[in-house]
Structures are given as C-alpha cells and as structure tokens.
Amino acid sequence: MNPQPVQPSGSGHPTPDPWQAFSYLVSGVLVYGVLGWLADRWLGTSFLVAVGIVLGAGFGVYMIVKRYGTFDEAPPHEK
C-alpha cells in the first residue's frame, strides 16, 4: 500500500511540507560542502569547504523561500 503524494492546494501553490524544506537545506549544505572540499583538494587551500557550506545553506534557504514563501490567501482558521 503506497501513500499518495501530497497534492498542491487549489490556489496553485504547493502544500508546505517541512521534510521537503529540511531536505532542501541539508542537500544544499552537503552538495556545496562536497564541492568546496573537492576544490580545496584540487587547489590546495583549506577554506573553500566552509565557503561551500555557507553558500549551500544560503541556496537551501533561498529554495525554501522561493517554493513556500508566498501565499495568495490566508489559511482558514480552525474553530
């Protein structure tokens, strides 16, 4: 029995998923951290891994805000 994927709401915006937002952040840090580590090994430096981690975190936050940052209408209030 496979769970159905979360479908976007009728407003055209995706439904917020905290695990997907977390994966954007972690994958950005991992990918750019590894790229910085590889650049450090290739160039013989020792600071590019830190630059890659910071850039990856920034790009992860950017992707989260880009995907989930705007809503046309307020969510309904529960009574």
Protein backbone atom coordinates (compact mmCIF):
# COMPACT_ATOMS: atom_id res chain seq x y z
CA MET A 1 0.00 0.00 0.00
CA ASN A 2 1.75 3.14 -1.23
CA PRO A 3 0.87 6.51 0.30
CA GLN A 4 -0.39 9.10 -2.12
CA PRO A 5 1.83 12.16 -2.65
CA VAL A 6 0.64 15.47 -1.22
CA GLN A 7 -1.15 17.38 -3.93
CA PRO A 8 -0.95 21.16 -4.16
CA SER A 9 -3.94 23.12 -2.93
CA GLY A 10 -6.40 24.64 -5.39
CA SER A 11 -4.69 28.05 -5.22
CA GLY A 12 -1.77 26.87 -7.37
CA HIS A 13 0.77 26.93 -4.54
CA PRO A 14 2.37 23.78 -3.16
CA THR A 15 1.30 22.48 0.21
CA PRO A 16 4.04 23.22 2.77
CA ASP A 17 5.99 20.09 3.65
CA PRO A 18 8.55 20.51 6.45
CA TRP A 19 10.53 17.42 5.39
CA GLN A 20 10.95 18.75 1.86
CA ALA A 21 12.08 22.11 3.22
CA PHE A 22 14.55 20.30 5.50
CA SER A 23 15.85 18.29 2.55
CA TYR A 24 16.45 21.49 0.54
CA LEU A 25 18.57 22.85 3.36
CA VAL A 26 20.53 19.65 4.04
CA SER A 27 21.13 18.84 0.39
CA GLY A 28 22.38 22.37 -0.30
CA VAL A 29 24.87 22.13 2.56
CA LEU A 30 26.01 18.65 1.51
CA VAL A 31 26.35 19.34 -2.22
CA TYR A 32 28.14 22.67 -1.90
CA GLY A 33 30.20 21.42 1.04
CA VAL A 34 31.46 18.50 -1.05
CA LEU A 35 32.15 20.83 -3.98
CA GLY A 36 34.11 23.09 -1.65
CA TRP A 37 36.05 20.11 -0.28
CA LEU A 38 36.89 18.97 -3.81
CA ALA A 39 38.00 22.48 -4.74
CA ASP A 40 40.16 22.57 -1.58
CA ARG A 41 41.82 19.30 -2.55
CA TRP A 42 42.39 20.45 -6.13
CA LEU A 43 43.67 23.94 -5.31
CA GLY A 44 45.49 23.07 -2.08
CA THR A 45 43.52 25.53 0.04
CA SER A 46 41.68 24.99 3.32
CA PHE A 47 38.81 27.49 3.35
CA LEU A 48 36.60 26.59 0.39
CA VAL A 49 34.75 23.85 2.25
CA ALA A 50 33.48 26.48 4.72
CA VAL A 51 32.54 28.79 1.85
CA GLY A 52 30.69 25.91 0.17
CA ILE A 53 28.76 25.05 3.33
CA VAL A 54 27.68 28.66 3.85
CA LEU A 55 26.70 29.06 0.18
CA GLY A 56 24.82 25.75 0.27
CA ALA A 57 22.87 26.83 3.34
CA GLY A 58 22.07 30.14 1.65
CA PHE A 59 20.88 28.45 -1.53
CA GLY A 60 18.83 26.00 0.54
CA VAL A 61 17.08 28.84 2.35
CA TYR A 62 16.56 30.60 -0.99
CA MET A 63 14.90 27.49 -2.44
CA ILE A 64 12.64 27.15 0.61
CA VAL A 65 11.54 30.79 0.40
CA LYS A 66 11.12 30.56 -3.39
CA ARG A 67 8.95 27.45 -3.13
CA TYR A 68 6.91 28.19 0.01
CA GLY A 69 7.34 31.91 0.62
CA THR A 70 4.24 33.45 -0.93
CA PHE A 71 0.57 32.70 -0.46
CA ASP A 72 -2.38 34.41 -2.10
CA GLU A 73 -4.82 33.83 0.72
CA ALA A 74 -4.65 33.32 4.47
CA PRO A 75 -5.12 29.77 5.74
CA PRO A 76 -8.57 29.02 7.19
CA HIS A 77 -8.86 29.38 10.96
CA GLU A 78 -9.99 26.39 12.98
CA LYS A 79 -12.89 26.91 15.38
